[in-house]
Amino acid sequence: MIDHVSIAVCDLAASTRFYGAVLGAIGMKAIDVRAATVGFGKQYSEFWINLRADMAPIEAGSGAHICFRARSTKMVDAFHAAALQAGGSSDGAPGLRPHDGDGGYYAAFIRDPDGNRIEAVTFTK
């Protein structure tokens, strides 16, 4: 259905390092590296960060939200820990979200240094 998604970042080098660590925790890597954009994925670039050096700060109540599927709860935990270690902030610690699905929805939410809201999820049932 969706081939790829992109978000804007203020500092491409810093965001490349951030997402390299965060997405590396769930099995993704930088595949396409260009002057003003970097594409991450497992086999092809599914998630892109695009340099927008003059972009306005992202409001905390922003509606933007991207979720990545992880293969295990350990990967979700590692995603969250990597984000905090790399300069992101928690927007929801790893754990079950019983109000989502049948009680097996295990997710973590982070904000990247620009304020983009990113999630990792796995299903335990």
PDB file of N, CA and C in Angstrom:
ATOM      1  N   MET A   1       0.819  -1.178   0.000  1.00  0.00           N
ATOM      2  CA  MET A   1       0.000   0.000   0.000  1.00  0.00           C
ATOM      3  C   MET A   1       0.872   1.253   0.000  1.00  0.00           C
ATOM      4  N   ILE A   2       1.696   1.467   0.997  1.00  0.00           N
ATOM      5  CA  ILE A   2       2.587   2.626   1.034  1.00  0.00           C
ATOM      6  C   ILE A   2       3.985   2.136   0.696  1.00  0.00           C
ATOM      7  N   ASP A   3       4.620   2.794  -0.258  1.00  0.00           N
ATOM      8  CA  ASP A   3       5.959   2.398  -0.677  1.00  0.00           C
ATOM      9  C   ASP A   3       7.032   2.989   0.228  1.00  0.00           C
ATOM     10  N   HIS A   4       6.915   4.268   0.561  1.00  0.00           N
ATOM     11  CA  HIS A   4       7.890   4.908   1.431  1.00  0.00           C
ATOM     12  C   HIS A   4       7.287   6.154   2.077  1.00  0.00           C
ATOM     13  N   VAL A   5       7.959   6.625   3.123  1.00  0.00           N
ATOM     14  CA  VAL A   5       7.544   7.797   3.880  1.00  0.00           C
ATOM     15  C   VAL A   5       8.774   8.660   4.085  1.00  0.00           C
ATOM     16  N   SER A   6       8.587   9.976   4.142  1.00  0.00           N
ATOM     17  CA  SER A   6       9.720  10.851   4.435  1.00  0.00           C
ATOM     18  C   SER A   6       9.319  11.892   5.472  1.00  0.00           C
ATOM     19  N   ILE A   7      10.328  12.347   6.212  1.00  0.00           N
ATOM     20  CA  ILE A   7      10.132  13.406   7.196  1.00  0.00           C
ATOM     21  C   ILE A   7      11.212  14.456   6.987  1.00  0.00           C
ATOM     22  N   ALA A   8      10.965  15.651   7.492  1.00  0.00           N
ATOM     23  CA  ALA A   8      11.932  16.736   7.419  1.00  0.00           C
ATOM     24  C   ALA A   8      12.770  16.771   8.693  1.00  0.00           C
ATOM     25  N   VAL A   9      14.051  17.109   8.525  1.00  0.00           N
ATOM     26  CA  VAL A   9      14.973  17.262   9.643  1.00  0.00           C
ATOM     27  C   VAL A   9      15.804  18.531   9.422  1.00  0.00           C
ATOM     28  N   CYS A  10      16.258  19.155  10.505  1.00  0.00           N
ATOM     29  CA  CYS A  10      17.047  20.386  10.420  1.00  0.00           C
ATOM     30  C   CYS A  10      18.520  20.134  10.134  1.00  0.00           C
ATOM     31  N   ASP A  11      19.056  19.047  10.655  1.00  0.00           N
ATOM     32  CA  ASP A  11      20.483  18.743  10.546  1.00  0.00           C
ATOM     33  C   ASP A  11      20.614  17.320  10.014  1.00  0.00           C
ATOM     34  N   LEU A  12      20.937  17.192   8.732  1.00  0.00           N
ATOM     35  CA  LEU A  12      20.955  15.871   8.098  1.00  0.00           C
ATOM     36  C   LEU A  12      22.008  14.953   8.711  1.00  0.00           C
ATOM     37  N   ALA A  13      23.204  15.464   8.983  1.00  0.00           N
ATOM     38  CA  ALA A  13      24.259  14.614   9.548  1.00  0.00           C
ATOM     39  C   ALA A  13      23.862  14.088  10.924  1.00  0.00           C
ATOM     40  N   ALA A  14      23.356  14.973  11.782  1.00  0.00           N
ATOM     41  CA  ALA A  14      22.947  14.555  13.128  1.00  0.00           C
ATOM     42  C   ALA A  14      21.773  13.583  13.060  1.00  0.00           C
ATOM     43  N   SER A  15      20.828  13.846  12.195  1.00  0.00           N
ATOM     44  CA  SER A  15      19.666  12.955  12.072  1.00  0.00           C
ATOM     45  C   SER A  15      20.042  11.615  11.458  1.00  0.00           C
ATOM     46  N   THR A  16      21.015  11.608  10.576  1.00  0.00           N
ATOM     47  CA  THR A  16      21.500  10.340  10.014  1.00  0.00           C
ATOM     48  C   THR A  16      22.111   9.479  11.111  1.00  0.00           C
ATOM     49  N   ARG A  17      22.885  10.100  11.986  1.00  0.00           N
ATOM     50  CA  ARG A  17      23.453   9.349  13.124  1.00  0.00           C
ATOM     51  C   ARG A  17      22.343   8.856  14.048  1.00  0.00           C
ATOM     52  N   PHE A  18      21.389   9.739  14.355  1.00  0.00           N
ATOM     53  CA  PHE A  18      20.278   9.384  15.233  1.00  0.00           C
ATOM     54  C   PHE A  18      19.500   8.200  14.659  1.00  0.00           C
ATOM     55  N   TYR A  19      19.050   8.321  13.435  1.00  0.00           N
ATOM     56  CA  TYR A  19      18.243   7.260  12.844  1.00  0.00           C
ATOM     57  C   TYR A  19      19.061   6.012  12.537  1.00  0.00           C
ATOM     58  N   GLY A  20      20.350   6.164  12.293  1.00  0.00           N
ATOM     59  CA  GLY A  20      21.195   4.983  12.127  1.00  0.00           C
ATOM     60  C   GLY A  20      21.167   4.118  13.376  1.00  0.00           C
ATOM     61  N   ALA A  21      21.244   4.759  14.547  1.00  0.00           N
ATOM     62  CA  ALA A  21      21.202   4.026  15.818  1.00  0.00           C
ATOM     63  C   ALA A  21      19.798   3.490  16.111  1.00  0.00           C
ATOM     64  N   VAL A  22      18.804   4.340  15.970  1.00  0.00           N
ATOM     65  CA  VAL A  22      17.431   3.973  16.339  1.00  0.00           C
ATOM     66  C   VAL A  22      16.873   2.889  15.413  1.00  0.00           C
ATOM     67  N   LEU A  23      17.003   3.104  14.123  1.00  0.00           N
ATOM     68  CA  LEU A  23      16.466   2.128  13.183  1.00  0.00           C
ATOM     69  C   LEU A  23      17.343   0.890  13.094  1.00  0.00           C
ATOM     70  N   GLY A  24      18.626   1.039  13.400  1.00  0.00           N
ATOM     71  CA  GLY A  24      19.512  -0.127  13.469  1.00  0.00           C
ATOM     72  C   GLY A  24      19.044  -1.121  14.517  1.00  0.00           C
ATOM     73  N   ALA A  25      18.435  -0.620  15.588  1.00  0.00           N
ATOM     74  CA  ALA A  25      17.931  -1.485  16.667  1.00  0.00           C
ATOM     75  C   ALA A  25      16.788  -2.385  16.197  1.00  0.00           C
ATOM     76  N   ILE A  26      16.136  -2.010  15.091  1.00  0.00           N
ATOM     77  CA  ILE A  26      15.038  -2.842  14.575  1.00  0.00           C
ATOM     78  C   ILE A  26      15.370  -3.415  13.194  1.00  0.00           C
ATOM     79  N   GLY A  27      16.651  -3.439  12.864  1.00  0.00           N
ATOM     80  CA  GLY A  27      17.093  -4.143  11.661  1.00  0.00           C
ATOM     81  C   GLY A  27      17.142  -3.336  10.372  1.00  0.00           C
ATOM     82  N   MET A  28      17.078  -2.009  10.476  1.00  0.00           N
ATOM     83  CA  MET A  28      17.155  -1.172   9.282  1.00  0.00           C
ATOM     84  C   MET A  28      18.514  -0.484   9.222  1.00  0.00           C
ATOM     85  N   LYS A  29      18.883  -0.022   8.026  1.00  0.00           N
ATOM     86  CA  LYS A  29      20.161   0.673   7.853  1.00  0.00           C
ATOM     87  C   LYS A  29      20.005   1.734   6.763  1.00  0.00           C
ATOM     88  N   ALA A  30      20.966   2.656   6.709  1.00  0.00           N
ATOM     89  CA  ALA A  30      20.990   3.652   5.638  1.00  0.00           C
ATOM     90  C   ALA A  30      21.351   2.933   4.344  1.00  0.00           C
ATOM     91  N   ILE A  31      20.521   3.087   3.339  1.00  0.00           N
ATOM     92  CA  ILE A  31      20.732   2.439   2.042  1.00  0.00           C
ATOM     93  C   ILE A  31      21.096   3.466   0.974  1.00  0.00           C
ATOM     94  N   ASP A  32      20.357   4.562   0.932  1.00  0.00           N
ATOM     95  CA  ASP A  32      20.606   5.624  -0.041  1.00  0.00           C
ATOM     96  C   ASP A  32      21.053   6.876   0.694  1.00  0.00           C
ATOM     97  N   VAL A  33      22.251   7.328   0.413  1.00  0.00           N
ATOM     98  CA  VAL A  33      22.780   8.543   1.040  1.00  0.00           C
ATOM     99  C   VAL A  33      23.063   9.551  -0.068  1.00  0.00           C
ATOM    100  N   ARG A  34      22.364  10.669   0.002  1.00  0.00           N
ATOM    101  CA  ARG A  34      22.510  11.729  -0.992  1.00  0.00           C
ATOM    102  C   ARG A  34      22.802  13.040  -0.278  1.00  0.00           C
ATOM    103  N   ALA A  35      23.037  14.084  -1.036  1.00  0.00           N
ATOM    104  CA  ALA A  35      23.430  15.368  -0.455  1.00  0.00           C
ATOM    105  C   ALA A  35      22.413  15.928   0.535  1.00  0.00           C
ATOM    106  N   ALA A  36      21.127  15.782   0.272  1.00  0.00           N
ATOM    107  CA  ALA A  36      20.114  16.393   1.127  1.00  0.00           C
ATOM    108  C   ALA A  36      19.064  15.409   1.614  1.00  0.00           C
ATOM    109  N   THR A  37      19.328  14.104   1.474  1.00  0.00           N
ATOM    110  CA  THR A  37      18.357  13.099   1.905  1.00  0.00           C
ATOM    111  C   THR A  37      19.062  11.776   2.163  1.00  0.00           C
ATOM    112  N   VAL A  38      18.533  11.001   3.094  1.00  0.00           N
ATOM    113  CA  VAL A  38      19.051   9.663   3.395  1.00  0.00           C
ATOM    114  C   VAL A  38      17.855   8.726   3.502  1.00  0.00           C
ATOM    115  N   GLY A  39      17.963   7.578   2.833  1.00  0.00           N
ATOM    116  CA  GLY A  39      16.903   6.584   2.871  1.00  0.00           C
ATOM    117  C   GLY A  39      17.322   5.372   3.677  1.00  0.00           C
ATOM    118  N   PHE A  40      16.463   4.935   4.596  1.00  0.00           N
ATOM    119  CA  PHE A  40      16.706   3.778   5.462  1.00  0.00           C
ATOM    120  C   PHE A  40      15.739   2.658   5.104  1.00  0.00           C
ATOM    121  N   GLY A  41      16.184   1.436   5.294  1.00  0.00           N
ATOM    122  CA  GLY A  41      15.317   0.297   5.065  1.00  0.00           C
ATOM    123  C   GLY A  41      16.025  -1.001   5.385  1.00  0.00           C
ATOM    124  N   LYS A  42      15.386  -2.102   5.027  1.00  0.00           N
ATOM    125  CA  LYS A  42      15.985  -3.431   5.193  1.00  0.00           C
ATOM    126  C   LYS A  42      16.545  -3.908   3.859  1.00  0.00           C
ATOM    127  N   GLN A  43      15.772  -3.788   2.795  1.00  0.00           N
ATOM    128  CA  GLN A  43      16.229  -4.174   1.456  1.00  0.00           C
ATOM    129  C   GLN A  43      16.207  -2.991   0.498  1.00  0.00           C
ATOM    130  N   TYR A  44      15.306  -2.045   0.714  1.00  0.00           N
ATOM    131  CA  TYR A  44      15.234  -0.830  -0.094  1.00  0.00           C
ATOM    132  C   TYR A  44      14.826   0.310   0.842  1.00  0.00           C
ATOM    133  N   SER A  45      14.998   1.522   0.405  1.00  0.00           N
ATOM    134  CA  SER A  45      14.694   2.681   1.256  1.00  0.00           C
ATOM    135  C   SER A  45      13.189   2.875   1.394  1.00  0.00           C
ATOM    136  N   GLU A  46      12.714   2.646   2.620  1.00  0.00           N
ATOM    137  CA  GLU A  46      11.301   2.781   2.947  1.00  0.00           C
ATOM    138  C   GLU A  46      11.016   4.048   3.742  1.00  0.00           C
ATOM    139  N   PHE A  47      12.045   4.554   4.420  1.00  0.00           N
ATOM    140  CA  PHE A  47      11.927   5.715   5.294  1.00  0.00           C
ATOM    141  C   PHE A  47      13.043   6.694   4.953  1.00  0.00           C
ATOM    142  N   TRP A  48      12.659   7.903   4.617  1.00  0.00           N
ATOM    143  CA  TRP A  48      13.620   8.926   4.196  1.00  0.00           C
ATOM    144  C   TRP A  48      13.621  10.091   5.165  1.00  0.00           C
ATOM    145  N   ILE A  49      14.802  10.649   5.408  1.00  0.00           N
ATOM    146  CA  ILE A  49      14.920  11.920   6.112  1.00  0.00           C
ATOM    147  C   ILE A  49      15.426  12.934   5.094  1.00  0.00           C
ATOM    148  N   ASN A  50      14.787  14.095   5.065  1.00  0.00           N
ATOM    149  CA  ASN A  50      15.104  15.136   4.093  1.00  0.00           C
ATOM    150  C   ASN A  50      15.520  16.412   4.800  1.00  0.00           C
ATOM    151  N   LEU A  51      16.640  16.975   4.378  1.00  0.00           N
ATOM    152  CA  LEU A  51      17.149  18.204   4.970  1.00  0.00           C
ATOM    153  C   LEU A  51      16.214  19.370   4.675  1.00  0.00           C
ATOM    154  N   ARG A  52      15.783  20.033   5.734  1.00  0.00           N
ATOM    155  CA  ARG A  52      15.011  21.273   5.655  1.00  0.00           C
ATOM    156  C   ARG A  52      15.586  22.190   6.727  1.00  0.00           C
ATOM    157  N   ALA A  53      16.765  22.731   6.456  1.00  0.00           N
ATOM    158  CA  ALA A  53      17.513  23.504   7.449  1.00  0.00           C
ATOM    159  C   ALA A  53      16.714  24.674   8.016  1.00  0.00           C
ATOM    160  N   ASP A  54      15.783  25.223   7.262  1.00  0.00           N
ATOM    161  CA  ASP A  54      15.026  26.385   7.728  1.00  0.00           C
ATOM    162  C   ASP A  54      13.613  26.042   8.190  1.00  0.00           C
ATOM    163  N   MET A  55      13.363  24.764   8.472  1.00  0.00           N
ATOM    164  CA  MET A  55      12.010  24.397   8.882  1.00  0.00           C
ATOM    165  C   MET A  55      11.679  24.943  10.269  1.00  0.00           C
ATOM    166  N   ALA A  56      10.413  25.208  10.484  1.00  0.00           N
ATOM    167  CA  ALA A  56       9.941  25.671  11.786  1.00  0.00           C
ATOM    168  C   ALA A  56       9.975  24.519  12.776  1.00  0.00           C
ATOM    169  N   PRO A  57      10.172  24.811  14.056  1.00  0.00           N
ATOM    170  CA  PRO A  57      10.136  23.743  15.063  1.00  0.00           C
ATOM    171  C   PRO A  57       8.800  22.999  15.027  1.00  0.00           C
ATOM    172  N   ILE A  58       8.849  21.702  15.271  1.00  0.00           N
ATOM    173  CA  ILE A  58       7.634  20.883  15.287  1.00  0.00           C
ATOM    174  C   ILE A  58       6.973  21.019  16.654  1.00  0.00           C
ATOM    175  N   GLU A  59       5.720  21.379  16.649  1.00  0.00           N
ATOM    176  CA  GLU A  59       4.960  21.538  17.893  1.00  0.00           C
ATOM    177  C   GLU A  59       4.769  20.187  18.579  1.00  0.00           C
ATOM    178  N   ALA A  60       4.751  20.184  19.893  1.00  0.00           N
ATOM    179  CA  ALA A  60       4.559  18.949  20.658  1.00  0.00           C
ATOM    180  C   ALA A  60       3.254  18.253  20.301  1.00  0.00           C
ATOM    181  N   GLY A  61       2.241  18.985  19.938  1.00  0.00           N
ATOM    182  CA  GLY A  61       0.952  18.412  19.594  1.00  0.00           C
ATOM    183  C   GLY A  61       0.812  18.057  18.128  1.00  0.00           C
ATOM    184  N   SER A  62       1.937  17.979  17.412  1.00  0.00           N
ATOM    185  CA  SER A  62       1.903  17.670  15.984  1.00  0.00           C
ATOM    186  C   SER A  62       1.203  16.348  15.731  1.00  0.00           C
ATOM    187  N   GLY A  63       0.463  16.285  14.628  1.00  0.00           N
ATOM    188  CA  GLY A  63      -0.252  15.068  14.284  1.00  0.00           C
ATOM    189  C   GLY A  63       0.592  14.046  13.541  1.00  0.00           C
ATOM    190  N   ALA A  64       1.815  14.397  13.145  1.00  0.00           N
ATOM    191  CA  ALA A  64       2.668  13.458  12.418  1.00  0.00           C
ATOM    192  C   ALA A  64       3.064  12.286  13.316  1.00  0.00           C
ATOM    193  N   HIS A  65       2.989  11.080  12.763  1.00  0.00           N
ATOM    194  CA  HIS A  65       3.300   9.878  13.538  1.00  0.00           C
ATOM    195  C   HIS A  65       3.647   8.778  12.547  1.00  0.00           C
ATOM    196  N   ILE A  66       4.804   8.164  12.737  1.00  0.00           N
ATOM    197  CA  ILE A  66       5.228   7.054  11.887  1.00  0.00           C
ATOM    198  C   ILE A  66       5.537   5.872  12.789  1.00  0.00           C
ATOM    199  N   CYS A  67       5.049   4.699  12.408  1.00  0.00           N
ATOM    200  CA  CYS A  67       5.259   3.493  13.205  1.00  0.00           C
ATOM    201  C   CYS A  67       6.009   2.448  12.390  1.00  0.00           C
ATOM    202  N   PHE A  68       7.025   1.849  13.009  1.00  0.00           N
ATOM    203  CA  PHE A  68       7.798   0.776  12.402  1.00  0.00           C
ATOM    204  C   PHE A  68       7.487  -0.541  13.090  1.00  0.00           C
ATOM    205  N   ARG A  69       7.395  -1.615  12.329  1.00  0.00           N
ATOM    206  CA  ARG A  69       7.159  -2.943  12.880  1.00  0.00           C
ATOM    207  C   ARG A  69       8.500  -3.540  13.315  1.00  0.00           C
ATOM    208  N   ALA A  70       8.543  -4.056  14.525  1.00  0.00           N
ATOM    209  CA  ALA A  70       9.714  -4.750  15.060  1.00  0.00           C
ATOM    210  C   ALA A  70       9.371  -6.233  15.199  1.00  0.00           C
ATOM    211  N   ARG A  71      10.398  -7.077  15.224  1.00  0.00           N
ATOM    212  CA  ARG A  71      10.165  -8.523  15.305  1.00  0.00           C
ATOM    213  C   ARG A  71       9.993  -9.037  16.728  1.00  0.00           C
ATOM    214  N   SER A  72      10.325  -8.219  17.735  1.00  0.00           N
ATOM    215  CA  SER A  72      10.233  -8.709  19.112  1.00  0.00           C
ATOM    216  C   SER A  72      10.110  -7.545  20.093  1.00  0.00           C
ATOM    217  N   THR A  73       9.716  -7.879  21.318  1.00  0.00           N
ATOM    218  CA  THR A  73       9.661  -6.856  22.365  1.00  0.00           C
ATOM    219  C   THR A  73      11.067  -6.350  22.672  1.00  0.00           C
ATOM    220  N   LYS A  74      12.062  -7.221  22.583  1.00  0.00           N
ATOM    221  CA  LYS A  74      13.447  -6.784  22.822  1.00  0.00           C
ATOM    222  C   LYS A  74      13.881  -5.730  21.813  1.00  0.00           C
ATOM    223  N   MET A  75      13.435  -5.878  20.581  1.00  0.00           N
ATOM    224  CA  MET A  75      13.773  -4.876  19.560  1.00  0.00           C
ATOM    225  C   MET A  75      13.059  -3.551  19.841  1.00  0.00           C
ATOM    226  N   VAL A  76      11.817  -3.609  20.297  1.00  0.00           N
ATOM    227  CA  VAL A  76      11.107  -2.386  20.666  1.00  0.00           C
ATOM    228  C   VAL A  76      11.839  -1.701  21.817  1.00  0.00           C
ATOM    229  N   ASP A  77      12.242  -2.474  22.817  1.00  0.00           N
ATOM    230  CA  ASP A  77      12.995  -1.920  23.947  1.00  0.00           C
ATOM    231  C   ASP A  77      14.297  -1.282  23.465  1.00  0.00           C
ATOM    232  N   ALA A  78      15.010  -1.960  22.572  1.00  0.00           N
ATOM    233  CA  ALA A  78      16.282  -1.460  22.050  1.00  0.00           C
ATOM    234  C   ALA A  78      16.077  -0.184  21.234  1.00  0.00           C
ATOM    235  N   PHE A  79      15.002  -0.116  20.462  1.00  0.00           N
ATOM    236  CA  PHE A  79      14.638   1.078  19.694  1.00  0.00           C
ATOM    237  C   PHE A  79      14.502   2.276  20.638  1.00  0.00           C
ATOM    238  N   HIS A  80      13.743   2.098  21.710  1.00  0.00           N
ATOM    239  CA  HIS A  80      13.501   3.171  22.672  1.00  0.00           C
ATOM    240  C   HIS A  80      14.806   3.587  23.352  1.00  0.00           C
ATOM    241  N   ALA A  81      15.575   2.618  23.807  1.00  0.00           N
ATOM    242  CA  ALA A  81      16.842   2.921  24.484  1.00  0.00           C
ATOM    243  C   ALA A  81      17.809   3.635  23.541  1.00  0.00           C
ATOM    244  N   ALA A  82      17.886   3.192  22.297  1.00  0.00           N
ATOM    245  CA  ALA A  82      18.782   3.827  21.322  1.00  0.00           C
ATOM    246  C   ALA A  82      18.370   5.273  21.080  1.00  0.00           C
ATOM    247  N   ALA A  83      17.080   5.526  21.020  1.00  0.00           N
ATOM    248  CA  ALA A  83      16.596   6.891  20.801  1.00  0.00           C
ATOM    249  C   ALA A  83      16.999   7.802  21.953  1.00  0.00           C
ATOM    250  N   LEU A  84      16.832   7.333  23.173  1.00  0.00           N
ATOM    251  CA  LEU A  84      17.199   8.147  24.333  1.00  0.00           C
ATOM    252  C   LEU A  84      18.706   8.383  24.370  1.00  0.00           C
ATOM    253  N   GLN A  85      19.476   7.346  24.076  1.00  0.00           N
ATOM    254  CA  GLN A  85      20.937   7.450  24.061  1.00  0.00           C
ATOM    255  C   GLN A  85      21.419   8.413  22.978  1.00  0.00           C
ATOM    256  N   ALA A  86      20.701   8.482  21.862  1.00  0.00           N
ATOM    257  CA  ALA A  86      21.132   9.281  20.709  1.00  0.00           C
ATOM    258  C   ALA A  86      20.582  10.710  20.726  1.00  0.00           C
ATOM    259  N   GLY A  87      19.871  11.100  21.771  1.00  0.00           N
ATOM    260  CA  GLY A  87      19.410  12.480  21.875  1.00  0.00           C
ATOM    261  C   GLY A  87      17.930  12.707  21.646  1.00  0.00           C
ATOM    262  N   GLY A  88      17.172  11.634  21.493  1.00  0.00           N
ATOM    263  CA  GLY A  88      15.724  11.756  21.372  1.00  0.00           C
ATOM    264  C   GLY A  88      15.084  11.789  22.742  1.00  0.00           C
ATOM    265  N   SER A  89      13.773  11.864  22.779  1.00  0.00           N
ATOM    266  CA  SER A  89      13.060  11.850  24.052  1.00  0.00           C
ATOM    267  C   SER A  89      11.934  10.825  23.995  1.00  0.00           C
ATOM    268  N   SER A  90      11.555  10.353  25.168  1.00  0.00           N
ATOM    269  CA  SER A  90      10.483   9.371  25.252  1.00  0.00           C
ATOM    270  C   SER A  90       9.139  10.052  25.098  1.00  0.00           C
ATOM    271  N   ASP A  91       8.273   9.436  24.306  1.00  0.00           N
ATOM    272  CA  ASP A  91       6.905   9.897  24.164  1.00  0.00           C
ATOM    273  C   ASP A  91       5.954   8.770  24.572  1.00  0.00           C
ATOM    274  N   GLY A  92       6.540   7.746  25.226  1.00  0.00           N
ATOM    275  CA  GLY A  92       5.782   6.590  25.696  1.00  0.00           C
ATOM    276  C   GLY A  92       6.728   5.412  25.848  1.00  0.00           C
ATOM    277  N   ALA A  93       7.032   5.034  27.074  1.00  0.00           N
ATOM    278  CA  ALA A  93       7.980   3.953  27.345  1.00  0.00           C
ATOM    279  C   ALA A  93       7.500   2.633  26.752  1.00  0.00           C
ATOM    280  N   PRO A  94       8.422   1.704  26.488  1.00  0.00           N
ATOM    281  CA  PRO A  94       8.020   0.398  25.956  1.00  0.00           C
ATOM    282  C   PRO A  94       7.047  -0.312  26.884  1.00  0.00           C
ATOM    283  N   GLY A  95       6.061  -0.942  26.301  1.00  0.00           N
ATOM    284  CA  GLY A  95       5.109  -1.699  27.098  1.00  0.00           C
ATOM    285  C   GLY A  95       3.886  -2.081  26.301  1.00  0.00           C
ATOM    286  N   LEU A  96       3.054  -2.910  26.916  1.00  0.00           N
ATOM    287  CA  LEU A  96       1.793  -3.310  26.298  1.00  0.00           C
ATOM    288  C   LEU A  96       0.830  -2.143  26.294  1.00  0.00           C
ATOM    289  N   ARG A  97       0.068  -2.038  25.234  1.00  0.00           N
ATOM    290  CA  ARG A  97      -0.963  -1.017  25.103  1.00  0.00           C
ATOM    291  C   ARG A  97      -2.299  -1.755  24.989  1.00  0.00           C
ATOM    292  N   PRO A  98      -2.904  -2.112  26.143  1.00  0.00           N
ATOM    293  CA  PRO A  98      -4.111  -2.952  26.115  1.00  0.00           C
ATOM    294  C   PRO A  98      -5.281  -2.320  25.381  1.00  0.00           C
ATOM    295  N   HIS A  99      -5.288  -1.007  25.238  1.00  0.00           N
ATOM    296  CA  HIS A  99      -6.385  -0.337  24.531  1.00  0.00           C
ATOM    297  C   HIS A  99      -6.239  -0.455  23.012  1.00  0.00           C
ATOM    298  N   ASP A 100      -5.105  -0.984  22.529  1.00  0.00           N
ATOM    299  CA  ASP A 100      -4.873  -1.180  21.095  1.00  0.00           C
ATOM    300  C   ASP A 100      -4.917  -2.668  20.771  1.00  0.00           C
ATOM    301  N   GLY A 101      -5.873  -3.082  19.987  1.00  0.00           N
ATOM    302  CA  GLY A 101      -5.950  -4.478  19.570  1.00  0.00           C
ATOM    303  C   GLY A 101      -6.445  -5.387  20.662  1.00  0.00           C
ATOM    304  N   ASP A 102      -5.915  -6.603  20.673  1.00  0.00           N
ATOM    305  CA  ASP A 102      -6.395  -7.638  21.600  1.00  0.00           C
ATOM    306  C   ASP A 102      -5.525  -7.754  22.849  1.00  0.00           C
ATOM    307  N   GLY A 103      -4.758  -6.736  23.163  1.00  0.00           N
ATOM    308  CA  GLY A 103      -3.901  -6.765  24.345  1.00  0.00           C
ATOM    309  C   GLY A 103      -2.491  -7.206  24.052  1.00  0.00           C
ATOM    310  N   GLY A 104      -2.172  -7.543  22.814  1.00  0.00           N
ATOM    311  CA  GLY A 104      -0.833  -7.975  22.466  1.00  0.00           C
ATOM    312  C   GLY A 104      -0.012  -6.907  21.749  1.00  0.00           C
ATOM    313  N   TYR A 105      -0.460  -5.651  21.779  1.00  0.00           N
ATOM    314  CA  TYR A 105       0.192  -4.535  21.097  1.00  0.00           C
ATOM    315  C   TYR A 105       1.268  -3.986  22.020  1.00  0.00           C
ATOM    316  N   TYR A 106       2.538  -4.254  21.703  1.00  0.00           N
ATOM    317  CA  TYR A 106       3.681  -3.832  22.529  1.00  0.00           C
ATOM    318  C   TYR A 106       4.425  -2.764  21.746  1.00  0.00           C
ATOM    319  N   ALA A 107       4.496  -1.548  22.310  1.00  0.00           N
ATOM    320  CA  ALA A 107       5.049  -0.430  21.555  1.00  0.00           C
ATOM    321  C   ALA A 107       5.858   0.517  22.424  1.00  0.00           C
ATOM    322  N   ALA A 108       6.653   1.333  21.756  1.00  0.00           N
ATOM    323  CA  ALA A 108       7.380   2.432  22.381  1.00  0.00           C
ATOM    324  C   ALA A 108       7.293   3.624  21.437  1.00  0.00           C
ATOM    325  N   PHE A 109       7.208   4.800  22.010  1.00  0.00           N
ATOM    326  CA  PHE A 109       7.089   6.035  21.245  1.00  0.00           C
ATOM    327  C   PHE A 109       8.234   6.962  21.616  1.00  0.00           C
ATOM    328  N   ILE A 110       8.814   7.585  20.593  1.00  0.00           N
ATOM    329  CA  ILE A 110       9.891   8.542  20.838  1.00  0.00           C
ATOM    330  C   ILE A 110       9.645   9.802  20.019  1.00  0.00           C
ATOM    331  N   ARG A 111      10.347  10.837  20.384  1.00  0.00           N
ATOM    332  CA  ARG A 111      10.443  12.062  19.581  1.00  0.00           C
ATOM    333  C   ARG A 111      11.896  12.188  19.168  1.00  0.00           C
ATOM    334  N   ASP A 112      12.120  12.413  17.877  1.00  0.00           N
ATOM    335  CA  ASP A 112      13.494  12.615  17.421  1.00  0.00           C
ATOM    336  C   ASP A 112      13.930  14.029  17.818  1.00  0.00           C
ATOM    337  N   PRO A 113      15.194  14.392  17.613  1.00  0.00           N
ATOM    338  CA  PRO A 113      15.651  15.729  18.026  1.00  0.00           C
ATOM    339  C   PRO A 113      14.882  16.882  17.382  1.00  0.00           C
ATOM    340  N   ASP A 114      14.225  16.645  16.252  1.00  0.00           N
ATOM    341  CA  ASP A 114      13.419  17.688  15.611  1.00  0.00           C
ATOM    342  C   ASP A 114      11.980  17.695  16.108  1.00  0.00           C
ATOM    343  N   GLY A 115      11.581  16.687  16.859  1.00  0.00           N
ATOM    344  CA  GLY A 115      10.222  16.607  17.381  1.00  0.00           C
ATOM    345  C   GLY A 115       9.302  15.672  16.626  1.00  0.00           C
ATOM    346  N   ASN A 116       9.811  14.985  15.587  1.00  0.00           N
ATOM    347  CA  ASN A 116       8.995  14.007  14.866  1.00  0.00           C
ATOM    348  C   ASN A 116       8.638  12.857  15.803  1.00  0.00           C
ATOM    349  N   ARG A 117       7.396  12.382  15.750  1.00  0.00           N
ATOM    350  CA  ARG A 117       6.926  11.301  16.622  1.00  0.00           C
ATOM    351  C   ARG A 117       7.045   9.972  15.889  1.00  0.00           C
ATOM    352  N   ILE A 118       7.845   9.072  16.462  1.00  0.00           N
ATOM    353  CA  ILE A 118       8.158   7.796  15.843  1.00  0.00           C
ATOM    354  C   ILE A 118       7.837   6.679  16.838  1.00  0.00           C
ATOM    355  N   GLU A 119       7.286   5.590  16.333  1.00  0.00           N
ATOM    356  CA  GLU A 119       6.887   4.449  17.166  1.00  0.00           C
ATOM    357  C   GLU A 119       7.506   3.174  16.624  1.00  0.00           C
ATOM    358  N   ALA A 120       7.755   2.229  17.502  1.00  0.00           N
ATOM    359  CA  ALA A 120       8.070   0.851  17.110  1.00  0.00           C
ATOM    360  C   ALA A 120       7.056  -0.047  17.800  1.00  0.00           C
ATOM    361  N   VAL A 121       6.582  -1.072  17.074  1.00  0.00           N
ATOM    362  CA  VAL A 121       5.561  -1.964  17.613  1.00  0.00           C
ATOM    363  C   VAL A 121       5.866  -3.410  17.232  1.00  0.00           C
ATOM    364  N   THR A 122       5.472  -4.300  18.120  1.00  0.00           N
ATOM    365  CA  THR A 122       5.423  -5.718  17.811  1.00  0.00           C
ATOM    366  C   THR A 122       4.152  -6.262  18.437  1.00  0.00           C
ATOM    367  N   PHE A 123       3.750  -7.454  18.016  1.00  0.00           N
ATOM    368  CA  PHE A 123       2.523  -8.045  18.530  1.00  0.00           C
ATOM    369  C   PHE A 123       2.881  -9.339  19.267  1.00  0.00           C
ATOM    370  N   THR A 124       2.448  -9.424  20.512  1.00  0.00           N
ATOM    371  CA  THR A 124       2.817 -10.567  21.343  1.00  0.00           C
ATOM    372  C   THR A 124       1.789 -11.682  21.297  1.00  0.00           C
ATOM    373  N   LYS A 125       0.664 -11.456  20.673  1.00  0.00           N
ATOM    374  CA  LYS A 125      -0.376 -12.489  20.559  1.00  0.00           C
ATOM    375  C   LYS A 125      -0.614 -12.788  19.111  1.00  0.00           C
TER     376      LYS A 125
END
